[in-house]
């Protein structure tokens, strides 16, 4: 399931210049070795600010395609965690 994390990280790279919330999350994620990750809760904590920002943008009808992709991947990560697949 690391492919979802890699997709999220790639999206954050693309969006880092648009908002500090994305650059902060990207800088935190690039410090993590996904192959040696013990707890996905830390990743969820890192992404919580992004998720809140994206939900606000969605409610205003201001999500770009890149932001929509990031939101969908964060949701997918959460689904995988709930399903116990990560």
C-alpha atoms as a PDB file:
ATOM      1  CA  UNK A   1       0.000   0.000   0.000  1.00  0.00           C
ATOM      2  CA  UNK A   2       3.013   2.238  -0.115  1.00  0.00           C
ATOM      3  CA  UNK A   3       1.927   3.235  -3.616  1.00  0.00           C
ATOM      4  CA  UNK A   4      -0.788   5.409  -2.053  1.00  0.00           C
ATOM      5  CA  UNK A   5       1.811   7.120   0.127  1.00  0.00           C
ATOM      6  CA  UNK A   6       4.040   7.693  -2.888  1.00  0.00           C
ATOM      7  CA  UNK A   7       1.103   9.181  -4.830  1.00  0.00           C
ATOM      8  CA  UNK A   8       0.337  11.487  -1.907  1.00  0.00           C
ATOM      9  CA  UNK A   9       3.958  12.567  -1.668  1.00  0.00           C
ATOM     10  CA  UNK A  10       4.079  13.218  -5.435  1.00  0.00           C
ATOM     11  CA  UNK A  11       0.919  15.329  -5.216  1.00  0.00           C
ATOM     12  CA  UNK A  12       2.402  17.335  -2.370  1.00  0.00           C
ATOM     13  CA  UNK A  13       5.475  18.070  -4.492  1.00  0.00           C
ATOM     14  CA  UNK A  14       3.206  19.486  -7.200  1.00  0.00           C
ATOM     15  CA  UNK A  15       1.207  21.580  -4.707  1.00  0.00           C
ATOM     16  CA  UNK A  16       3.984  22.714  -2.342  1.00  0.00           C
ATOM     17  CA  UNK A  17       4.256  26.146  -3.975  1.00  0.00           C
ATOM     18  CA  UNK A  18       0.511  26.803  -3.666  1.00  0.00           C
ATOM     19  CA  UNK A  19       0.214  26.658   0.118  1.00  0.00           C
ATOM     20  CA  UNK A  20       2.456  26.247   3.129  1.00  0.00           C
ATOM     21  CA  UNK A  21       0.192  23.464   4.403  1.00  0.00           C
ATOM     22  CA  UNK A  22       1.325  21.335   1.459  1.00  0.00           C
ATOM     23  CA  UNK A  23       5.011  22.221   1.742  1.00  0.00           C
ATOM     24  CA  UNK A  24       5.019  21.465   5.475  1.00  0.00           C
ATOM     25  CA  UNK A  25       3.411  18.079   4.879  1.00  0.00           C
ATOM     26  CA  UNK A  26       5.806  17.294   2.025  1.00  0.00           C
ATOM     27  CA  UNK A  27       8.853  18.203   4.122  1.00  0.00           C
ATOM     28  CA  UNK A  28       7.601  15.964   6.928  1.00  0.00           C
ATOM     29  CA  UNK A  29       6.816  13.048   4.612  1.00  0.00           C
ATOM     30  CA  UNK A  30      10.142  13.156   2.820  1.00  0.00           C
ATOM     31  CA  UNK A  31      11.783  12.368   6.180  1.00  0.00           C
ATOM     32  CA  UNK A  32       9.867   9.082   6.437  1.00  0.00           C
ATOM     33  CA  UNK A  33      11.103   5.799   4.987  1.00  0.00           C
ATOM     34  CA  UNK A  34       7.849   4.247   3.772  1.00  0.00           C
ATOM     35  CA  UNK A  35       9.427   0.796   3.568  1.00  0.00           C
ATOM     36  CA  UNK A  36      10.280   0.906   7.281  1.00  0.00           C
ATOM     37  CA  UNK A  37       7.138   2.634   8.538  1.00  0.00           C
ATOM     38  CA  UNK A  38       5.897   1.205  11.827  1.00  0.00           C
ATOM     39  CA  UNK A  39       2.803   3.359  12.374  1.00  0.00           C
ATOM     40  CA  UNK A  40       0.590   4.967   9.797  1.00  0.00           C
ATOM     41  CA  UNK A  41      -0.918   7.204  12.473  1.00  0.00           C
ATOM     42  CA  UNK A  42       2.082   9.502  12.150  1.00  0.00           C
ATOM     43  CA  UNK A  43       1.352   9.862   8.427  1.00  0.00           C
ATOM     44  CA  UNK A  44      -2.297  10.609   9.152  1.00  0.00           C
ATOM     45  CA  UNK A  45      -1.222  13.258  11.658  1.00  0.00           C
ATOM     46  CA  UNK A  46       1.056  14.864   9.057  1.00  0.00           C
ATOM     47  CA  UNK A  47      -1.741  14.918   6.476  1.00  0.00           C
ATOM     48  CA  UNK A  48      -4.485  16.208   8.776  1.00  0.00           C
ATOM     49  CA  UNK A  49      -3.779  19.871   7.979  1.00  0.00           C
ATOM     50  CA  UNK A  50      -3.837  19.150   4.256  1.00  0.00           C
ATOM     51  CA  UNK A  51      -7.084  17.265   4.582  1.00  0.00           C
ATOM     52  CA  UNK A  52      -8.788  20.111   6.456  1.00  0.00           C
ATOM     53  CA  UNK A  53      -7.535  22.632   3.905  1.00  0.00           C
ATOM     54  CA  UNK A  54      -8.742  20.487   0.999  1.00  0.00           C
ATOM     55  CA  UNK A  55     -12.175  19.991   2.552  1.00  0.00           C
ATOM     56  CA  UNK A  56     -12.496  23.765   2.996  1.00  0.00           C
ATOM     57  CA  UNK A  57     -11.498  24.302  -0.637  1.00  0.00           C
ATOM     58  CA  UNK A  58     -13.991  21.656  -1.747  1.00  0.00           C
ATOM     59  CA  UNK A  59     -16.825  23.311   0.159  1.00  0.00           C
ATOM     60  CA  UNK A  60     -16.019  26.582  -1.633  1.00  0.00           C
ATOM     61  CA  UNK A  61     -15.889  24.825  -5.009  1.00  0.00           C
ATOM     62  CA  UNK A  62     -12.213  25.734  -5.406  1.00  0.00           C
ATOM     63  CA  UNK A  63     -10.542  22.344  -5.791  1.00  0.00           C
ATOM     64  CA  UNK A  64      -8.193  22.054  -8.738  1.00  0.00           C
ATOM     65  CA  UNK A  65      -7.574  18.686 -10.358  1.00  0.00           C
ATOM     66  CA  UNK A  66      -4.293  18.247  -8.452  1.00  0.00           C
ATOM     67  CA  UNK A  67      -5.981  19.041  -5.150  1.00  0.00           C
ATOM     68  CA  UNK A  68      -8.818  16.616  -5.948  1.00  0.00           C
ATOM     69  CA  UNK A  69      -6.267  13.870  -6.652  1.00  0.00           C
ATOM     70  CA  UNK A  70      -4.549  14.544  -3.323  1.00  0.00           C
ATOM     71  CA  UNK A  71      -7.857  14.531  -1.435  1.00  0.00           C
ATOM     72  CA  UNK A  72      -8.866  11.242  -3.077  1.00  0.00           C
ATOM     73  CA  UNK A  73      -5.522   9.656  -2.207  1.00  0.00           C
ATOM     74  CA  UNK A  74      -5.735  10.775   1.421  1.00  0.00           C
ATOM     75  CA  UNK A  75      -9.240   9.295   1.563  1.00  0.00           C
ATOM     76  CA  UNK A  76      -7.923   6.072  -0.001  1.00  0.00           C
ATOM     77  CA  UNK A  77      -5.158   5.883   2.594  1.00  0.00           C
ATOM     78  CA  UNK A  78      -7.729   6.272   5.352  1.00  0.00           C
ATOM     79  CA  UNK A  79      -9.922   3.564   3.779  1.00  0.00           C
ATOM     80  CA  UNK A  80      -6.968   1.170   3.645  1.00  0.00           C
ATOM     81  CA  UNK A  81      -6.183   1.848   7.295  1.00  0.00           C
ATOM     82  CA  UNK A  82      -9.800   1.203   8.309  1.00  0.00           C
ATOM     83  CA  UNK A  83      -9.886  -1.990   6.229  1.00  0.00           C
ATOM     84  CA  UNK A  84      -6.681  -3.111   7.922  1.00  0.00           C
ATOM     85  CA  UNK A  85      -4.800  -3.421   4.645  1.00  0.00           C
ATOM     86  CA  UNK A  86      -1.901  -1.269   5.798  1.00  0.00           C
END
